[in-house]
Amino acid sequence: MRNKNLNLFIVAFSALTIIANFVQNNATSDLFGFEVNSWVVRILWLLIGLISYKRYKDKKEEEEN
């Protein structure tokens, strides 16, 4: 159950990070010390959020069965 809650936290954190990135509206962002296009950072966080949500759903279905 703990990992399930962690995945849900990661989904919320990634959503907040994407929203904050849109609000700042910078052309580039820092990623591990490198300047990269903001869209790359947004897509990366979106993928992280989607994968975490899928894992959350899978664990929730597994607990129900």
PDB file of N, CA and C in Angstrom:
ATOM      1  N   MET A   1       0.812  -1.184   0.000  1.00  0.00           N
ATOM      2  CA  MET A   1       0.000   0.000   0.000  1.00  0.00           C
ATOM      3  C   MET A   1       0.862   1.257   0.000  1.00  0.00           C
ATOM      4  N   ARG A   2       2.008   1.175   0.615  1.00  0.00           N
ATOM      5  CA  ARG A   2       2.877   2.341   0.694  1.00  0.00           C
ATOM      6  C   ARG A   2       3.347   2.772  -0.694  1.00  0.00           C
ATOM      7  N   ASN A   3       3.732   1.825  -1.547  1.00  0.00           N
ATOM      8  CA  ASN A   3       4.178   2.159  -2.886  1.00  0.00           C
ATOM      9  C   ASN A   3       3.052   2.750  -3.712  1.00  0.00           C
ATOM     10  N   LYS A   4       1.823   2.297  -3.457  1.00  0.00           N
ATOM     11  CA  LYS A   4       0.677   2.821  -4.179  1.00  0.00           C
ATOM     12  C   LYS A   4       0.506   4.307  -3.869  1.00  0.00           C
ATOM     13  N   ASN A   5       0.631   4.664  -2.598  1.00  0.00           N
ATOM     14  CA  ASN A   5       0.510   6.070  -2.204  1.00  0.00           C
ATOM     15  C   ASN A   5       1.670   6.902  -2.743  1.00  0.00           C
ATOM     16  N   LEU A   6       2.840   6.329  -2.819  1.00  0.00           N
ATOM     17  CA  LEU A   6       3.995   7.025  -3.367  1.00  0.00           C
ATOM     18  C   LEU A   6       3.763   7.336  -4.844  1.00  0.00           C
ATOM     19  N   ASN A   7       3.206   6.382  -5.578  1.00  0.00           N
ATOM     20  CA  ASN A   7       2.909   6.626  -6.992  1.00  0.00           C
ATOM     21  C   ASN A   7       1.895   7.743  -7.157  1.00  0.00           C
ATOM     22  N   LEU A   8       0.900   7.788  -6.298  1.00  0.00           N
ATOM     23  CA  LEU A   8      -0.098   8.848  -6.364  1.00  0.00           C
ATOM     24  C   LEU A   8       0.536  10.204  -6.036  1.00  0.00           C
ATOM     25  N   PHE A   9       1.460  10.236  -5.093  1.00  0.00           N
ATOM     26  CA  PHE A   9       2.187  11.464  -4.773  1.00  0.00           C
ATOM     27  C   PHE A   9       3.014  11.935  -5.965  1.00  0.00           C
ATOM     28  N   ILE A  10       3.663  11.012  -6.663  1.00  0.00           N
ATOM     29  CA  ILE A  10       4.469  11.362  -7.836  1.00  0.00           C
ATOM     30  C   ILE A  10       3.594  11.942  -8.938  1.00  0.00           C
ATOM     31  N   VAL A  11       2.390  11.397  -9.120  1.00  0.00           N
ATOM     32  CA  VAL A  11       1.468  11.932 -10.113  1.00  0.00           C
ATOM     33  C   VAL A  11       1.103  13.379  -9.767  1.00  0.00           C
ATOM     34  N   ALA A  12       0.783  13.637  -8.518  1.00  0.00           N
ATOM     35  CA  ALA A  12       0.416  14.991  -8.092  1.00  0.00           C
ATOM     36  C   ALA A  12       1.604  15.945  -8.238  1.00  0.00           C
ATOM     37  N   PHE A  13       2.780  15.490  -7.859  1.00  0.00           N
ATOM     38  CA  PHE A  13       3.976  16.325  -7.951  1.00  0.00           C
ATOM     39  C   PHE A  13       4.305  16.659  -9.403  1.00  0.00           C
ATOM     40  N   SER A  14       4.186  15.683 -10.292  1.00  0.00           N
ATOM     41  CA  SER A  14       4.482  15.949 -11.693  1.00  0.00           C
ATOM     42  C   SER A  14       3.469  16.918 -12.296  1.00  0.00           C
ATOM     43  N   ALA A  15       2.203  16.807 -11.901  1.00  0.00           N
ATOM     44  CA  ALA A  15       1.188  17.739 -12.397  1.00  0.00           C
ATOM     45  C   ALA A  15       1.489  19.161 -11.924  1.00  0.00           C
ATOM     46  N   LEU A  16       1.856  19.299 -10.665  1.00  0.00           N
ATOM     47  CA  LEU A  16       2.205  20.625 -10.144  1.00  0.00           C
ATOM     48  C   LEU A  16       3.452  21.190 -10.818  1.00  0.00           C
ATOM     49  N   THR A  17       4.407  20.346 -11.111  1.00  0.00           N
ATOM     50  CA  THR A  17       5.631  20.787 -11.773  1.00  0.00           C
ATOM     51  C   THR A  17       5.338  21.270 -13.186  1.00  0.00           C
ATOM     52  N   ILE A  18       4.484  20.559 -13.901  1.00  0.00           N
ATOM     53  CA  ILE A  18       4.120  20.978 -15.261  1.00  0.00           C
ATOM     54  C   ILE A  18       3.380  22.307 -15.224  1.00  0.00           C
ATOM     55  N   ILE A  19       2.438  22.449 -14.303  1.00  0.00           N
ATOM     56  CA  ILE A  19       1.687  23.704 -14.189  1.00  0.00           C
ATOM     57  C   ILE A  19       2.625  24.858 -13.840  1.00  0.00           C
ATOM     58  N   ALA A  20       3.531  24.640 -12.909  1.00  0.00           N
ATOM     59  CA  ALA A  20       4.474  25.692 -12.530  1.00  0.00           C
ATOM     60  C   ALA A  20       5.371  26.063 -13.707  1.00  0.00           C
ATOM     61  N   ASN A  21       5.737  25.088 -14.520  1.00  0.00           N
ATOM     62  CA  ASN A  21       6.569  25.362 -15.682  1.00  0.00           C
ATOM     63  C   ASN A  21       5.821  26.215 -16.700  1.00  0.00           C
ATOM     64  N   PHE A  22       4.518  25.992 -16.861  1.00  0.00           N
ATOM     65  CA  PHE A  22       3.731  26.829 -17.760  1.00  0.00           C
ATOM     66  C   PHE A  22       3.584  28.246 -17.212  1.00  0.00           C
ATOM     67  N   VAL A  23       3.434  28.386 -15.905  1.00  0.00           N
ATOM     68  CA  VAL A  23       3.259  29.703 -15.294  1.00  0.00           C
ATOM     69  C   VAL A  23       4.532  30.532 -15.444  1.00  0.00           C
ATOM     70  N   GLN A  24       5.683  29.904 -15.256  1.00  0.00           N
ATOM     71  CA  GLN A  24       6.953  30.620 -15.392  1.00  0.00           C
ATOM     72  C   GLN A  24       7.211  31.015 -16.838  1.00  0.00           C
ATOM     73  N   ASN A  25       6.822  30.173 -17.775  1.00  0.00           N
ATOM     74  CA  ASN A  25       6.898  30.446 -19.212  1.00  0.00           C
ATOM     75  C   ASN A  25       8.302  30.846 -19.660  1.00  0.00           C
ATOM     76  N   ASN A  26       9.305  30.114 -19.211  1.00  0.00           N
ATOM     77  CA  ASN A  26      10.684  30.334 -19.655  1.00  0.00           C
ATOM     78  C   ASN A  26      10.947  29.498 -20.905  1.00  0.00           C
ATOM     79  N   ALA A  27      11.852  29.970 -21.738  1.00  0.00           N
ATOM     80  CA  ALA A  27      12.196  29.217 -22.950  1.00  0.00           C
ATOM     81  C   ALA A  27      13.024  27.983 -22.612  1.00  0.00           C
ATOM     82  N   THR A  28      13.837  28.083 -21.567  1.00  0.00           N
ATOM     83  CA  THR A  28      14.662  26.948 -21.161  1.00  0.00           C
ATOM     84  C   THR A  28      14.492  26.703 -19.668  1.00  0.00           C
ATOM     85  N   SER A  29      14.797  25.482 -19.270  1.00  0.00           N
ATOM     86  CA  SER A  29      14.739  25.094 -17.862  1.00  0.00           C
ATOM     87  C   SER A  29      15.993  24.305 -17.522  1.00  0.00           C
ATOM     88  N   ASP A  30      16.323  24.262 -16.255  1.00  0.00           N
ATOM     89  CA  ASP A  30      17.464  23.469 -15.803  1.00  0.00           C
ATOM     90  C   ASP A  30      17.023  22.039 -15.543  1.00  0.00           C
ATOM     91  N   LEU A  31      17.753  21.098 -16.092  1.00  0.00           N
ATOM     92  CA  LEU A  31      17.497  19.674 -15.870  1.00  0.00           C
ATOM     93  C   LEU A  31      18.830  19.018 -15.583  1.00  0.00           C
ATOM     94  N   PHE A  32      19.058  18.654 -14.326  1.00  0.00           N
ATOM     95  CA  PHE A  32      20.309  18.043 -13.879  1.00  0.00           C
ATOM     96  C   PHE A  32      21.515  18.923 -14.212  1.00  0.00           C
ATOM     97  N   GLY A  33      21.335  20.237 -14.107  1.00  0.00           N
ATOM     98  CA  GLY A  33      22.434  21.155 -14.332  1.00  0.00           C
ATOM     99  C   GLY A  33      22.611  21.597 -15.770  1.00  0.00           C
ATOM    100  N   PHE A  34      21.813  21.080 -16.682  1.00  0.00           N
ATOM    101  CA  PHE A  34      21.893  21.457 -18.088  1.00  0.00           C
ATOM    102  C   PHE A  34      20.674  22.281 -18.470  1.00  0.00           C
ATOM    103  N   GLU A  35      20.879  23.260 -19.341  1.00  0.00           N
ATOM    104  CA  GLU A  35      19.754  24.034 -19.839  1.00  0.00           C
ATOM    105  C   GLU A  35      19.149  23.292 -21.031  1.00  0.00           C
ATOM    106  N   VAL A  36      17.863  22.976 -20.931  1.00  0.00           N
ATOM    107  CA  VAL A  36      17.154  22.292 -22.009  1.00  0.00           C
ATOM    108  C   VAL A  36      15.857  23.045 -22.286  1.00  0.00           C
ATOM    109  N   ASN A  37      15.288  22.772 -23.441  1.00  0.00           N
ATOM    110  CA  ASN A  37      14.032  23.382 -23.828  1.00  0.00           C
ATOM    111  C   ASN A  37      12.955  23.027 -22.802  1.00  0.00           C
ATOM    112  N   SER A  38      12.099  23.992 -22.483  1.00  0.00           N
ATOM    113  CA  SER A  38      11.058  23.760 -21.475  1.00  0.00           C
ATOM    114  C   SER A  38      10.093  22.660 -21.900  1.00  0.00           C
ATOM    115  N   TRP A  39       9.850  22.514 -23.191  1.00  0.00           N
ATOM    116  CA  TRP A  39       8.945  21.468 -23.652  1.00  0.00           C
ATOM    117  C   TRP A  39       9.497  20.075 -23.384  1.00  0.00           C
ATOM    118  N   VAL A  40      10.811  19.931 -23.433  1.00  0.00           N
ATOM    119  CA  VAL A  40      11.426  18.637 -23.113  1.00  0.00           C
ATOM    120  C   VAL A  40      11.182  18.303 -21.646  1.00  0.00           C
ATOM    121  N   VAL A  41      11.335  19.293 -20.780  1.00  0.00           N
ATOM    122  CA  VAL A  41      11.107  19.091 -19.350  1.00  0.00           C
ATOM    123  C   VAL A  41       9.644  18.746 -19.098  1.00  0.00           C
ATOM    124  N   ARG A  42       8.716  19.463 -19.752  1.00  0.00           N
ATOM    125  CA  ARG A  42       7.291  19.198 -19.577  1.00  0.00           C
ATOM    126  C   ARG A  42       6.923  17.791 -20.037  1.00  0.00           C
ATOM    127  N   ILE A  43       7.450  17.378 -21.182  1.00  0.00           N
ATOM    128  CA  ILE A  43       7.155  16.043 -21.697  1.00  0.00           C
ATOM    129  C   ILE A  43       7.737  14.976 -20.781  1.00  0.00           C
ATOM    130  N   LEU A  44       8.934  15.215 -20.262  1.00  0.00           N
ATOM    131  CA  LEU A  44       9.548  14.261 -19.334  1.00  0.00           C
ATOM    132  C   LEU A  44       8.694  14.093 -18.081  1.00  0.00           C
ATOM    133  N   TRP A  45       8.224  15.205 -17.487  1.00  0.00           N
ATOM    134  CA  TRP A  45       7.379  15.123 -16.302  1.00  0.00           C
ATOM    135  C   TRP A  45       6.033  14.488 -16.620  1.00  0.00           C
ATOM    136  N   LEU A  46       5.522  14.739 -17.829  1.00  0.00           N
ATOM    137  CA  LEU A  46       4.268  14.106 -18.233  1.00  0.00           C
ATOM    138  C   LEU A  46       4.432  12.586 -18.314  1.00  0.00           C
ATOM    139  N   LEU A  47       5.534  12.126 -18.884  1.00  0.00           N
ATOM    140  CA  LEU A  47       5.793  10.681 -18.959  1.00  0.00           C
ATOM    141  C   LEU A  47       5.944  10.073 -17.571  1.00  0.00           C
ATOM    142  N   ILE A  48       6.653  10.761 -16.692  1.00  0.00           N
ATOM    143  CA  ILE A  48       6.811  10.276 -15.319  1.00  0.00           C
ATOM    144  C   ILE A  48       5.453  10.162 -14.645  1.00  0.00           C
ATOM    145  N   GLY A  49       4.613  11.180 -14.815  1.00  0.00           N
ATOM    146  CA  GLY A  49       3.283  11.164 -14.208  1.00  0.00           C
ATOM    147  C   GLY A  49       2.401  10.058 -14.772  1.00  0.00           C
ATOM    148  N   LEU A  50       2.438   9.865 -16.089  1.00  0.00           N
ATOM    149  CA  LEU A  50       1.613   8.820 -16.702  1.00  0.00           C
ATOM    150  C   LEU A  50       2.045   7.420 -16.270  1.00  0.00           C
ATOM    151  N   ILE A  51       3.342   7.196 -16.204  1.00  0.00           N
ATOM    152  CA  ILE A  51       3.845   5.886 -15.779  1.00  0.00           C
ATOM    153  C   ILE A  51       3.469   5.626 -14.320  1.00  0.00           C
ATOM    154  N   SER A  52       3.605   6.637 -13.480  1.00  0.00           N
ATOM    155  CA  SER A  52       3.249   6.474 -12.070  1.00  0.00           C
ATOM    156  C   SER A  52       1.755   6.227 -11.900  1.00  0.00           C
ATOM    157  N   TYR A  53       0.942   6.906 -12.711  1.00  0.00           N
ATOM    158  CA  TYR A  53      -0.513   6.686 -12.632  1.00  0.00           C
ATOM    159  C   TYR A  53      -0.878   5.271 -13.068  1.00  0.00           C
ATOM    160  N   LYS A  54      -0.221   4.772 -14.117  1.00  0.00           N
ATOM    161  CA  LYS A  54      -0.489   3.405 -14.566  1.00  0.00           C
ATOM    162  C   LYS A  54      -0.103   2.397 -13.485  1.00  0.00           C
ATOM    163  N   ARG A  55       1.029   2.615 -12.853  1.00  0.00           N
ATOM    164  CA  ARG A  55       1.447   1.722 -11.769  1.00  0.00           C
ATOM    165  C   ARG A  55       0.469   1.796 -10.597  1.00  0.00           C
ATOM    166  N   TYR A  56      -0.030   2.988 -10.292  1.00  0.00           N
ATOM    167  CA  TYR A  56      -1.017   3.152  -9.223  1.00  0.00           C
ATOM    168  C   TYR A  56      -2.286   2.360  -9.550  1.00  0.00           C
ATOM    169  N   LYS A  57      -2.775   2.497 -10.777  1.00  0.00           N
ATOM    170  CA  LYS A  57      -3.981   1.774 -11.176  1.00  0.00           C
ATOM    171  C   LYS A  57      -3.775   0.268 -11.124  1.00  0.00           C
ATOM    172  N   ASP A  58      -2.628  -0.204 -11.591  1.00  0.00           N
ATOM    173  CA  ASP A  58      -2.344  -1.637 -11.577  1.00  0.00           C
ATOM    174  C   ASP A  58      -2.301  -2.188 -10.154  1.00  0.00           C
ATOM    175  N   LYS A  59      -1.668  -1.465  -9.244  1.00  0.00           N
ATOM    176  CA  LYS A  59      -1.586  -1.920  -7.852  1.00  0.00           C
ATOM    177  C   LYS A  59      -2.950  -1.880  -7.184  1.00  0.00           C
ATOM    178  N   LYS A  60      -3.757  -0.876  -7.534  1.00  0.00           N
ATOM    179  CA  LYS A  60      -5.093  -0.793  -6.952  1.00  0.00           C
ATOM    180  C   LYS A  60      -5.961  -1.962  -7.421  1.00  0.00           C
ATOM    181  N   GLU A  61      -5.884  -2.302  -8.714  1.00  0.00           N
ATOM    182  CA  GLU A  61      -6.634  -3.455  -9.234  1.00  0.00           C
ATOM    183  C   GLU A  61      -6.147  -4.761  -8.617  1.00  0.00           C
ATOM    184  N   GLU A  62      -4.832  -4.852  -8.397  1.00  0.00           N
ATOM    185  CA  GLU A  62      -4.263  -6.052  -7.799  1.00  0.00           C
ATOM    186  C   GLU A  62      -4.754  -6.232  -6.361  1.00  0.00           C
ATOM    187  N   GLU A  63      -4.894  -5.142  -5.619  1.00  0.00           N
ATOM    188  CA  GLU A  63      -5.390  -5.222  -4.247  1.00  0.00           C
ATOM    189  C   GLU A  63      -6.851  -5.628  -4.189  1.00  0.00           C
ATOM    190  N   GLU A  64      -7.628  -5.205  -5.191  1.00  0.00           N
ATOM    191  CA  GLU A  64      -9.045  -5.531  -5.204  1.00  0.00           C
ATOM    192  C   GLU A  64      -9.297  -7.010  -5.493  1.00  0.00           C
ATOM    193  N   ASN A  65      -8.392  -7.624  -6.230  1.00  0.00           N
ATOM    194  CA  ASN A  65      -8.564  -9.051  -6.579  1.00  0.00           C
ATOM    195  C   ASN A  65      -8.039  -9.964  -5.525  1.00  0.00           C
TER     196      ASN A  65
END
